[in-house]
Amino acid sequence: MTTPDPDPATSPGTDHRGNTLPHDTPPAEGGIFGISTPEPEELRHAWGSWPAWLIILLAVAVSVMLIAMIVALSS
């Protein structure tokens, strides 16, 4: 992999001051090969069914409270 030459005189698509010419793209950036730190291991097991049940329980509790508030206000 090569890195672009920072010299404006030899960089394609730039004028003598290093500005990009109209309708032209600037030279590509230099890259880094590989990764800097090891990636974490993938999760192999899901949480199980308890988070779904907890969310359902909270949704039912909120629904019951809202229905109770509507009944209390309408009477």
PDB file of N, CA and C in Angstrom:
ATOM      1  N   MET A   1       0.849  -1.163   0.000  1.00  0.00           N
ATOM      2  CA  MET A   1       0.000   0.000   0.000  1.00  0.00           C
ATOM      3  C   MET A   1       0.903   1.237   0.000  1.00  0.00           C
ATOM      4  N   THR A   2       0.586   2.171  -0.844  1.00  0.00           N
ATOM      5  CA  THR A   2       1.381   3.387  -0.916  1.00  0.00           C
ATOM      6  C   THR A   2       0.596   4.541  -0.318  1.00  0.00           C
ATOM      7  N   THR A   3       1.302   5.494   0.223  1.00  0.00           N
ATOM      8  CA  THR A   3       0.662   6.686   0.759  1.00  0.00           C
ATOM      9  C   THR A   3       0.804   7.804  -0.255  1.00  0.00           C
ATOM     10  N   PRO A   4      -0.149   8.744  -0.281  1.00  0.00           N
ATOM     11  CA  PRO A   4      -0.073   9.828  -1.244  1.00  0.00           C
ATOM     12  C   PRO A   4       1.098  10.761  -0.934  1.00  0.00           C
ATOM     13  N   ASP A   5       1.608  11.358  -1.974  1.00  0.00           N
ATOM     14  CA  ASP A   5       2.718  12.297  -1.835  1.00  0.00           C
ATOM     15  C   ASP A   5       2.167  13.643  -1.370  1.00  0.00           C
ATOM     16  N   PRO A   6       2.619  14.193  -0.240  1.00  0.00           N
ATOM     17  CA  PRO A   6       2.071  15.452   0.248  1.00  0.00           C
ATOM     18  C   PRO A   6       2.562  16.676  -0.532  1.00  0.00           C
ATOM     19  N   ASP A   7       3.519  16.501  -1.453  1.00  0.00           N
ATOM     20  CA  ASP A   7       4.045  17.622  -2.215  1.00  0.00           C
ATOM     21  C   ASP A   7       2.998  18.076  -3.231  1.00  0.00           C
ATOM     22  N   PRO A   8       2.516  19.344  -3.155  1.00  0.00           N
ATOM     23  CA  PRO A   8       1.482  19.811  -4.080  1.00  0.00           C
ATOM     24  C   PRO A   8       1.916  19.760  -5.546  1.00  0.00           C
ATOM     25  N   ALA A   9       3.203  19.858  -5.797  1.00  0.00           N
ATOM     26  CA  ALA A   9       3.660  19.858  -7.191  1.00  0.00           C
ATOM     27  C   ALA A   9       3.472  18.492  -7.840  1.00  0.00           C
ATOM     28  N   THR A  10       3.487  17.431  -7.050  1.00  0.00           N
ATOM     29  CA  THR A  10       3.372  16.098  -7.627  1.00  0.00           C
ATOM     30  C   THR A  10       2.043  15.417  -7.311  1.00  0.00           C
ATOM     31  N   SER A  11       1.159  16.056  -6.530  1.00  0.00           N
ATOM     32  CA  SER A  11      -0.138  15.465  -6.209  1.00  0.00           C
ATOM     33  C   SER A  11      -1.103  15.705  -7.365  1.00  0.00           C
ATOM     34  N   PRO A  12      -1.746  14.680  -7.873  1.00  0.00           N
ATOM     35  CA  PRO A  12      -2.684  14.890  -8.975  1.00  0.00           C
ATOM     36  C   PRO A  12      -3.937  15.610  -8.502  1.00  0.00           C
ATOM     37  N   GLY A  13      -4.498  16.459  -9.338  1.00  0.00           N
ATOM     38  CA  GLY A  13      -5.742  17.152  -9.031  1.00  0.00           C
ATOM     39  C   GLY A  13      -5.595  18.341  -8.115  1.00  0.00           C
ATOM     40  N   THR A  14      -4.376  18.869  -7.919  1.00  0.00           N
ATOM     41  CA  THR A  14      -4.178  20.045  -7.078  1.00  0.00           C
ATOM     42  C   THR A  14      -3.363  21.089  -7.839  1.00  0.00           C
ATOM     43  N   ASP A  15      -3.554  22.358  -7.452  1.00  0.00           N
ATOM     44  CA  ASP A  15      -2.762  23.409  -8.076  1.00  0.00           C
ATOM     45  C   ASP A  15      -1.441  23.579  -7.319  1.00  0.00           C
ATOM     46  N   HIS A  16      -0.678  24.616  -7.668  1.00  0.00           N
ATOM     47  CA  HIS A  16       0.653  24.789  -7.064  1.00  0.00           C
ATOM     48  C   HIS A  16       0.607  25.103  -5.570  1.00  0.00           C
ATOM     49  N   ARG A  17      -0.561  25.552  -5.048  1.00  0.00           N
ATOM     50  CA  ARG A  17      -0.690  25.838  -3.616  1.00  0.00           C
ATOM     51  C   ARG A  17      -1.254  24.646  -2.831  1.00  0.00           C
ATOM     52  N   GLY A  18      -1.618  23.570  -3.539  1.00  0.00           N
ATOM     53  CA  GLY A  18      -2.162  22.396  -2.861  1.00  0.00           C
ATOM     54  C   GLY A  18      -3.671  22.375  -2.796  1.00  0.00           C
ATOM     55  N   ASN A  19      -4.344  23.370  -3.388  1.00  0.00           N
ATOM     56  CA  ASN A  19      -5.805  23.402  -3.392  1.00  0.00           C
ATOM     57  C   ASN A  19      -6.340  22.419  -4.427  1.00  0.00           C
ATOM     58  N   THR A  20      -7.489  21.830  -4.128  1.00  0.00           N
ATOM     59  CA  THR A  20      -8.102  20.911  -5.066  1.00  0.00           C
ATOM     60  C   THR A  20      -8.691  21.685  -6.233  1.00  0.00           C
ATOM     61  N   LEU A  21      -8.452  21.189  -7.434  1.00  0.00           N
ATOM     62  CA  LEU A  21      -8.995  21.826  -8.627  1.00  0.00           C
ATOM     63  C   LEU A  21     -10.493  21.579  -8.700  1.00  0.00           C
ATOM     64  N   PRO A  22     -11.242  22.499  -9.334  1.00  0.00           N
ATOM     65  CA  PRO A  22     -12.693  22.293  -9.468  1.00  0.00           C
ATOM     66  C   PRO A  22     -12.987  20.997 -10.226  1.00  0.00           C
ATOM     67  N   HIS A  23     -14.019  20.308  -9.805  1.00  0.00           N
ATOM     68  CA  HIS A  23     -14.475  19.064 -10.430  1.00  0.00           C
ATOM     69  C   HIS A  23     -13.408  17.981 -10.392  1.00  0.00           C
ATOM     70  N   ASP A  24     -12.602  17.961  -9.359  1.00  0.00           N
ATOM     71  CA  ASP A  24     -11.598  16.924  -9.203  1.00  0.00           C
ATOM     72  C   ASP A  24     -11.599  16.468  -7.750  1.00  0.00           C
ATOM     73  N   THR A  25     -11.241  15.249  -7.522  1.00  0.00           N
ATOM     74  CA  THR A  25     -11.206  14.731  -6.156  1.00  0.00           C
ATOM     75  C   THR A  25      -9.797  14.821  -5.608  1.00  0.00           C
ATOM     76  N   PRO A  26      -9.656  15.054  -4.311  1.00  0.00           N
ATOM     77  CA  PRO A  26      -8.323  15.115  -3.719  1.00  0.00           C
ATOM     78  C   PRO A  26      -7.686  13.724  -3.702  1.00  0.00           C
ATOM     79  N   PRO A  27      -6.387  13.649  -3.525  1.00  0.00           N
ATOM     80  CA  PRO A  27      -5.736  12.340  -3.463  1.00  0.00           C
ATOM     81  C   PRO A  27      -6.225  11.533  -2.267  1.00  0.00           C
ATOM     82  N   ALA A  28      -6.142  10.241  -2.382  1.00  0.00           N
ATOM     83  CA  ALA A  28      -6.627   9.363  -1.318  1.00  0.00           C
ATOM     84  C   ALA A  28      -5.749   9.484  -0.076  1.00  0.00           C
ATOM     85  N   GLU A  29      -6.342   9.163   1.063  1.00  0.00           N
ATOM     86  CA  GLU A  29      -5.589   9.196   2.311  1.00  0.00           C
ATOM     87  C   GLU A  29      -4.796   7.910   2.467  1.00  0.00           C
ATOM     88  N   GLY A  30      -3.750   7.997   3.254  1.00  0.00           N
ATOM     89  CA  GLY A  30      -2.984   6.795   3.570  1.00  0.00           C
ATOM     90  C   GLY A  30      -3.792   5.901   4.480  1.00  0.00           C
ATOM     91  N   GLY A  31      -3.587   4.631   4.419  1.00  0.00           N
ATOM     92  CA  GLY A  31      -4.363   3.704   5.229  1.00  0.00           C
ATOM     93  C   GLY A  31      -3.495   2.969   6.223  1.00  0.00           C
ATOM     94  N   ILE A  32      -4.153   2.282   7.116  1.00  0.00           N
ATOM     95  CA  ILE A  32      -3.468   1.464   8.112  1.00  0.00           C
ATOM     96  C   ILE A  32      -3.923   0.037   7.870  1.00  0.00           C
ATOM     97  N   PHE A  33      -3.000  -0.869   7.789  1.00  0.00           N
ATOM     98  CA  PHE A  33      -3.320  -2.260   7.535  1.00  0.00           C
ATOM     99  C   PHE A  33      -3.538  -2.985   8.851  1.00  0.00           C
ATOM    100  N   GLY A  34      -4.625  -3.745   8.941  1.00  0.00           N
ATOM    101  CA  GLY A  34      -4.896  -4.539  10.131  1.00  0.00           C
ATOM    102  C   GLY A  34      -5.655  -3.749  11.189  1.00  0.00           C
ATOM    103  N   ILE A  35      -5.809  -4.337  12.347  1.00  0.00           N
ATOM    104  CA  ILE A  35      -6.509  -3.685  13.447  1.00  0.00           C
ATOM    105  C   ILE A  35      -5.522  -3.416  14.574  1.00  0.00           C
ATOM    106  N   SER A  36      -5.825  -2.408  15.380  1.00  0.00           N
ATOM    107  CA  SER A  36      -4.889  -2.022  16.430  1.00  0.00           C
ATOM    108  C   SER A  36      -5.077  -2.831  17.713  1.00  0.00           C
ATOM    109  N   THR A  37      -6.305  -3.253  18.001  1.00  0.00           N
ATOM    110  CA  THR A  37      -6.558  -4.041  19.208  1.00  0.00           C
ATOM    111  C   THR A  37      -7.376  -5.268  18.826  1.00  0.00           C
ATOM    112  N   PRO A  38      -7.254  -6.331  19.571  1.00  0.00           N
ATOM    113  CA  PRO A  38      -8.068  -7.510  19.256  1.00  0.00           C
ATOM    114  C   PRO A  38      -9.545  -7.225  19.487  1.00  0.00           C
ATOM    115  N   GLU A  39     -10.377  -7.788  18.643  1.00  0.00           N
ATOM    116  CA  GLU A  39     -11.811  -7.585  18.787  1.00  0.00           C
ATOM    117  C   GLU A  39     -12.354  -8.505  19.877  1.00  0.00           C
ATOM    118  N   PRO A  40     -13.408  -8.059  20.580  1.00  0.00           N
ATOM    119  CA  PRO A  40     -13.978  -8.906  21.630  1.00  0.00           C
ATOM    120  C   PRO A  40     -14.659 -10.135  21.028  1.00  0.00           C
ATOM    121  N   GLU A  41     -14.767 -11.163  21.823  1.00  0.00           N
ATOM    122  CA  GLU A  41     -15.432 -12.377  21.365  1.00  0.00           C
ATOM    123  C   GLU A  41     -16.916 -12.110  21.168  1.00  0.00           C
ATOM    124  N   GLU A  42     -17.519 -12.835  20.230  1.00  0.00           N
ATOM    125  CA  GLU A  42     -18.942 -12.699  19.987  1.00  0.00           C
ATOM    126  C   GLU A  42     -19.724 -13.342  21.130  1.00  0.00           C
ATOM    127  N   LEU A  43     -20.921 -12.799  21.379  1.00  0.00           N
ATOM    128  CA  LEU A  43     -21.788 -13.418  22.373  1.00  0.00           C
ATOM    129  C   LEU A  43     -22.317 -14.719  21.803  1.00  0.00           C
ATOM    130  N   ARG A  44     -22.172 -15.775  22.546  1.00  0.00           N
ATOM    131  CA  ARG A  44     -22.585 -17.079  22.040  1.00  0.00           C
ATOM    132  C   ARG A  44     -23.996 -17.449  22.505  1.00  0.00           C
ATOM    133  N   HIS A  45     -24.432 -16.912  23.612  1.00  0.00           N
ATOM    134  CA  HIS A  45     -25.749 -17.254  24.136  1.00  0.00           C
ATOM    135  C   HIS A  45     -26.550 -15.977  24.331  1.00  0.00           C
ATOM    136  N   ALA A  46     -27.827 -16.084  24.038  1.00  0.00           N
ATOM    137  CA  ALA A  46     -28.716 -14.950  24.291  1.00  0.00           C
ATOM    138  C   ALA A  46     -28.979 -14.859  25.790  1.00  0.00           C
ATOM    139  N   TRP A  47     -29.628 -13.804  26.189  1.00  0.00           N
ATOM    140  CA  TRP A  47     -29.925 -13.621  27.607  1.00  0.00           C
ATOM    141  C   TRP A  47     -30.899 -14.660  28.118  1.00  0.00           C
ATOM    142  N   GLY A  48     -31.675 -15.200  27.263  1.00  0.00           N
ATOM    143  CA  GLY A  48     -32.723 -16.117  27.693  1.00  0.00           C
ATOM    144  C   GLY A  48     -34.067 -15.427  27.534  1.00  0.00           C
ATOM    145  N   SER A  49     -35.087 -16.003  28.158  1.00  0.00           N
ATOM    146  CA  SER A  49     -36.430 -15.447  27.974  1.00  0.00           C
ATOM    147  C   SER A  49     -36.813 -14.433  29.047  1.00  0.00           C
ATOM    148  N   TRP A  50     -36.029 -14.293  30.111  1.00  0.00           N
ATOM    149  CA  TRP A  50     -36.451 -13.412  31.199  1.00  0.00           C
ATOM    150  C   TRP A  50     -36.507 -11.937  30.810  1.00  0.00           C
ATOM    151  N   PRO A  51     -35.647 -11.393  29.939  1.00  0.00           N
ATOM    152  CA  PRO A  51     -35.827  -9.985  29.575  1.00  0.00           C
ATOM    153  C   PRO A  51     -37.129  -9.739  28.823  1.00  0.00           C
ATOM    154  N   ALA A  52     -37.527 -10.683  27.965  1.00  0.00           N
ATOM    155  CA  ALA A  52     -38.797 -10.528  27.245  1.00  0.00           C
ATOM    156  C   ALA A  52     -39.965 -10.540  28.222  1.00  0.00           C
ATOM    157  N   TRP A  53     -39.933 -11.453  29.188  1.00  0.00           N
ATOM    158  CA  TRP A  53     -41.014 -11.509  30.175  1.00  0.00           C
ATOM    159  C   TRP A  53     -41.051 -10.242  31.030  1.00  0.00           C
ATOM    160  N   LEU A  54     -39.894  -9.704  31.359  1.00  0.00           N
ATOM    161  CA  LEU A  54     -39.846  -8.472  32.146  1.00  0.00           C
ATOM    162  C   LEU A  54     -40.460  -7.309  31.369  1.00  0.00           C
ATOM    163  N   ILE A  55     -40.141  -7.212  30.086  1.00  0.00           N
ATOM    164  CA  ILE A  55     -40.704  -6.138  29.258  1.00  0.00           C
ATOM    165  C   ILE A  55     -42.215  -6.303  29.121  1.00  0.00           C
ATOM    166  N   ILE A  56     -42.655  -7.521  28.904  1.00  0.00           N
ATOM    167  CA  ILE A  56     -44.098  -7.767  28.800  1.00  0.00           C
ATOM    168  C   ILE A  56     -44.797  -7.423  30.108  1.00  0.00           C
ATOM    169  N   LEU A  57     -44.213  -7.809  31.231  1.00  0.00           N
ATOM    170  CA  LEU A  57     -44.800  -7.509  32.541  1.00  0.00           C
ATOM    171  C   LEU A  57     -44.895  -6.000  32.766  1.00  0.00           C
ATOM    172  N   LEU A  58     -43.852  -5.264  32.424  1.00  0.00           N
ATOM    173  CA  LEU A  58     -43.897  -3.812  32.582  1.00  0.00           C
ATOM    174  C   LEU A  58     -44.942  -3.184  31.658  1.00  0.00           C
ATOM    175  N   ALA A  59     -45.050  -3.677  30.432  1.00  0.00           N
ATOM    176  CA  ALA A  59     -46.051  -3.144  29.503  1.00  0.00           C
ATOM    177  C   ALA A  59     -47.462  -3.403  30.021  1.00  0.00           C
ATOM    178  N   VAL A  60     -47.699  -4.583  30.571  1.00  0.00           N
ATOM    179  CA  VAL A  60     -49.016  -4.895  31.126  1.00  0.00           C
ATOM    180  C   VAL A  60     -49.301  -4.017  32.343  1.00  0.00           C
ATOM    181  N   ALA A  61     -48.317  -3.813  33.194  1.00  0.00           N
ATOM    182  CA  ALA A  61     -48.513  -2.982  34.383  1.00  0.00           C
ATOM    183  C   ALA A  61     -48.835  -1.539  33.991  1.00  0.00           C
ATOM    184  N   VAL A  62     -48.126  -0.996  33.011  1.00  0.00           N
ATOM    185  CA  VAL A  62     -48.400   0.370  32.565  1.00  0.00           C
ATOM    186  C   VAL A  62     -49.788   0.447  31.938  1.00  0.00           C
ATOM    187  N   SER A  63     -50.154  -0.564  31.150  1.00  0.00           N
ATOM    188  CA  SER A  63     -51.490  -0.578  30.538  1.00  0.00           C
ATOM    189  C   SER A  63     -52.586  -0.614  31.593  1.00  0.00           C
ATOM    190  N   VAL A  64     -52.411  -1.440  32.613  1.00  0.00           N
ATOM    191  CA  VAL A  64     -53.407  -1.520  33.691  1.00  0.00           C
ATOM    192  C   VAL A  64     -53.522  -0.187  34.418  1.00  0.00           C
ATOM    193  N   MET A  65     -52.392   0.458  34.684  1.00  0.00           N
ATOM    194  CA  MET A  65     -52.437   1.764  35.369  1.00  0.00           C
ATOM    195  C   MET A  65     -53.138   2.808  34.505  1.00  0.00           C
ATOM    196  N   LEU A  66     -52.857   2.814  33.196  1.00  0.00           N
ATOM    197  CA  LEU A  66     -53.509   3.798  32.323  1.00  0.00           C
ATOM    198  C   LEU A  66     -55.004   3.549  32.219  1.00  0.00           C
ATOM    199  N   ILE A  67     -55.402   2.288  32.132  1.00  0.00           N
ATOM    200  CA  ILE A  67     -56.835   1.968  32.079  1.00  0.00           C
ATOM    201  C   ILE A  67     -57.507   2.362  33.391  1.00  0.00           C
ATOM    202  N   ALA A  68     -56.835   2.121  34.508  1.00  0.00           N
ATOM    203  CA  ALA A  68     -57.383   2.509  35.822  1.00  0.00           C
ATOM    204  C   ALA A  68     -57.544   4.022  35.923  1.00  0.00           C
ATOM    205  N   MET A  69     -56.594   4.770  35.382  1.00  0.00           N
ATOM    206  CA  MET A  69     -56.688   6.248  35.411  1.00  0.00           C
ATOM    207  C   MET A  69     -57.848   6.722  34.536  1.00  0.00           C
ATOM    208  N   ILE A  70     -58.041   6.088  33.387  1.00  0.00           N
ATOM    209  CA  ILE A  70     -59.149   6.471  32.509  1.00  0.00           C
ATOM    210  C   ILE A  70     -60.485   6.169  33.173  1.00  0.00           C
ATOM    211  N   VAL A  71     -60.598   5.002  33.811  1.00  0.00           N
ATOM    212  CA  VAL A  71     -61.853   4.634  34.495  1.00  0.00           C
ATOM    213  C   VAL A  71     -62.108   5.585  35.648  1.00  0.00           C
ATOM    214  N   ALA A  72     -61.051   5.945  36.410  1.00  0.00           N
ATOM    215  CA  ALA A  72     -61.218   6.849  37.550  1.00  0.00           C
ATOM    216  C   ALA A  72     -61.630   8.245  37.102  1.00  0.00           C
ATOM    217  N   LEU A  73     -61.108   8.713  35.972  1.00  0.00           N
ATOM    218  CA  LEU A  73     -61.458  10.042  35.498  1.00  0.00           C
ATOM    219  C   LEU A  73     -62.850  10.093  34.874  1.00  0.00           C
ATOM    220  N   SER A  74     -63.291   8.986  34.293  1.00  0.00           N
ATOM    221  CA  SER A  74     -64.588   8.999  33.623  1.00  0.00           C
ATOM    222  C   SER A  74     -65.737   8.844  34.609  1.00  0.00           C
ATOM    223  N   SER A  75     -65.507   8.395  35.826  1.00  0.00           N
ATOM    224  CA  SER A  75     -66.610   8.235  36.764  1.00  0.00           C
ATOM    225  C   SER A  75     -66.782   9.404  37.670  1.00  0.00           C
TER     226      SER A  75
END
